[in-house]
């Protein structure tokens, strides 16, 4: 089971990324904000499609995933978040 991350000082702006020309937040970051496991966020999206239309929710392709990993890694190192 995933550990639920305790809420500390969370800077929402650091959780916003631009993908496909749109500002987005990752399920992992939403889970941190709501203090739930990531799988609960994904279950909510899957079980309530009327509340999460495609313009609010999408799955990254392999290239987008790799690019995002690079951004997060670089950002984490620069901000001393531990990578």
C-alpha atoms as a PDB file:
ATOM      1  CA  UNK A   1       0.000   0.000   0.000  1.00  0.00           C
ATOM      2  CA  UNK A   2       1.228   3.504  -0.775  1.00  0.00           C
ATOM      3  CA  UNK A   3       2.042   5.767   2.114  1.00  0.00           C
ATOM      4  CA  UNK A   4      -0.130   8.820   2.413  1.00  0.00           C
ATOM      5  CA  UNK A   5       2.110  11.864   2.480  1.00  0.00           C
ATOM      6  CA  UNK A   6       1.531  14.182   5.389  1.00  0.00           C
ATOM      7  CA  UNK A   7       0.469  17.681   4.524  1.00  0.00           C
ATOM      8  CA  UNK A   8       3.199  20.176   5.226  1.00  0.00           C
ATOM      9  CA  UNK A   9       3.808  23.436   3.492  1.00  0.00           C
ATOM     10  CA  UNK A  10       2.616  22.629  -0.018  1.00  0.00           C
ATOM     11  CA  UNK A  11       3.277  25.046  -2.843  1.00  0.00           C
ATOM     12  CA  UNK A  12       0.617  24.354  -5.444  1.00  0.00           C
ATOM     13  CA  UNK A  13       2.415  26.355  -8.126  1.00  0.00           C
ATOM     14  CA  UNK A  14       5.264  23.815  -7.978  1.00  0.00           C
ATOM     15  CA  UNK A  15       2.755  21.071  -8.840  1.00  0.00           C
ATOM     16  CA  UNK A  16       1.577  22.628 -12.102  1.00  0.00           C
ATOM     17  CA  UNK A  17       3.171  21.509 -15.354  1.00  0.00           C
ATOM     18  CA  UNK A  18       2.522  22.413 -18.964  1.00  0.00           C
ATOM     19  CA  UNK A  19       1.684  19.444 -21.160  1.00  0.00           C
ATOM     20  CA  UNK A  20       0.152  19.693 -24.642  1.00  0.00           C
ATOM     21  CA  UNK A  21       0.003  23.458 -24.149  1.00  0.00           C
ATOM     22  CA  UNK A  22      -2.234  23.085 -21.085  1.00  0.00           C
ATOM     23  CA  UNK A  23      -1.438  23.578 -17.419  1.00  0.00           C
ATOM     24  CA  UNK A  24      -2.001  20.309 -15.553  1.00  0.00           C
ATOM     25  CA  UNK A  25      -1.516  18.646 -12.186  1.00  0.00           C
ATOM     26  CA  UNK A  26      -0.463  15.043 -11.719  1.00  0.00           C
ATOM     27  CA  UNK A  27      -2.552  12.484  -9.869  1.00  0.00           C
ATOM     28  CA  UNK A  28       0.309  12.084  -7.398  1.00  0.00           C
ATOM     29  CA  UNK A  29       0.213  15.780  -6.516  1.00  0.00           C
ATOM     30  CA  UNK A  30      -3.578  15.844  -6.241  1.00  0.00           C
ATOM     31  CA  UNK A  31      -3.335  12.901  -3.860  1.00  0.00           C
ATOM     32  CA  UNK A  32      -0.889  14.871  -1.708  1.00  0.00           C
ATOM     33  CA  UNK A  33      -3.258  17.836  -1.608  1.00  0.00           C
ATOM     34  CA  UNK A  34      -6.251  15.702  -0.663  1.00  0.00           C
ATOM     35  CA  UNK A  35      -4.227  13.451   1.657  1.00  0.00           C
ATOM     36  CA  UNK A  36      -5.262  10.239  -0.056  1.00  0.00           C
ATOM     37  CA  UNK A  37      -3.492   7.491  -1.950  1.00  0.00           C
ATOM     38  CA  UNK A  38      -2.904   8.114  -5.654  1.00  0.00           C
ATOM     39  CA  UNK A  39      -5.029   5.118  -6.545  1.00  0.00           C
ATOM     40  CA  UNK A  40      -8.034   6.797  -4.881  1.00  0.00           C
ATOM     41  CA  UNK A  41      -7.702   9.779  -7.233  1.00  0.00           C
ATOM     42  CA  UNK A  42      -7.563   7.435 -10.219  1.00  0.00           C
ATOM     43  CA  UNK A  43     -10.548   5.439  -8.935  1.00  0.00           C
ATOM     44  CA  UNK A  44     -12.577   8.643  -8.599  1.00  0.00           C
ATOM     45  CA  UNK A  45     -11.783   9.579 -12.202  1.00  0.00           C
ATOM     46  CA  UNK A  46     -12.609   6.099 -13.472  1.00  0.00           C
ATOM     47  CA  UNK A  47     -15.849   5.790 -11.490  1.00  0.00           C
ATOM     48  CA  UNK A  48     -17.136   9.309 -12.186  1.00  0.00           C
ATOM     49  CA  UNK A  49     -16.457  10.108 -15.857  1.00  0.00           C
ATOM     50  CA  UNK A  50     -19.175  12.750 -15.878  1.00  0.00           C
ATOM     51  CA  UNK A  51     -17.210  14.726 -13.277  1.00  0.00           C
ATOM     52  CA  UNK A  52     -13.886  14.320 -15.080  1.00  0.00           C
ATOM     53  CA  UNK A  53     -14.396  14.930 -18.805  1.00  0.00           C
ATOM     54  CA  UNK A  54     -11.485  14.311 -21.159  1.00  0.00           C
ATOM     55  CA  UNK A  55     -10.518  17.993 -21.147  1.00  0.00           C
ATOM     56  CA  UNK A  56      -9.794  17.672 -17.407  1.00  0.00           C
ATOM     57  CA  UNK A  57      -8.134  14.295 -17.419  1.00  0.00           C
ATOM     58  CA  UNK A  58      -5.839  12.427 -19.791  1.00  0.00           C
ATOM     59  CA  UNK A  59      -3.073   9.851 -19.801  1.00  0.00           C
ATOM     60  CA  UNK A  60       0.423  10.848 -20.852  1.00  0.00           C
ATOM     61  CA  UNK A  61       2.079   9.087 -23.762  1.00  0.00           C
ATOM     62  CA  UNK A  62       5.584   7.615 -23.340  1.00  0.00           C
ATOM     63  CA  UNK A  63       7.404  10.721 -24.620  1.00  0.00           C
ATOM     64  CA  UNK A  64       5.400  13.053 -22.377  1.00  0.00           C
ATOM     65  CA  UNK A  65       6.068  10.800 -19.395  1.00  0.00           C
ATOM     66  CA  UNK A  66       9.809  10.807 -20.035  1.00  0.00           C
ATOM     67  CA  UNK A  67       9.891  14.590 -20.536  1.00  0.00           C
ATOM     68  CA  UNK A  68       7.966  15.117 -17.314  1.00  0.00           C
ATOM     69  CA  UNK A  69      10.314  12.817 -15.404  1.00  0.00           C
ATOM     70  CA  UNK A  70      13.214  14.934 -16.632  1.00  0.00           C
ATOM     71  CA  UNK A  71      11.511  18.158 -15.548  1.00  0.00           C
ATOM     72  CA  UNK A  72      10.649  16.783 -12.113  1.00  0.00           C
ATOM     73  CA  UNK A  73      14.148  15.440 -11.574  1.00  0.00           C
ATOM     74  CA  UNK A  74      15.749  18.741 -12.566  1.00  0.00           C
ATOM     75  CA  UNK A  75      13.272  20.737 -10.505  1.00  0.00           C
ATOM     76  CA  UNK A  76      13.748  18.497  -7.473  1.00  0.00           C
ATOM     77  CA  UNK A  77      17.509  18.839  -7.604  1.00  0.00           C
ATOM     78  CA  UNK A  78      17.358  22.607  -7.998  1.00  0.00           C
ATOM     79  CA  UNK A  79      14.903  22.994  -5.109  1.00  0.00           C
ATOM     80  CA  UNK A  80      16.638  20.493  -2.819  1.00  0.00           C
ATOM     81  CA  UNK A  81      13.569  18.257  -2.639  1.00  0.00           C
ATOM     82  CA  UNK A  82      15.723  15.186  -2.874  1.00  0.00           C
ATOM     83  CA  UNK A  83      14.986  14.040  -6.424  1.00  0.00           C
END
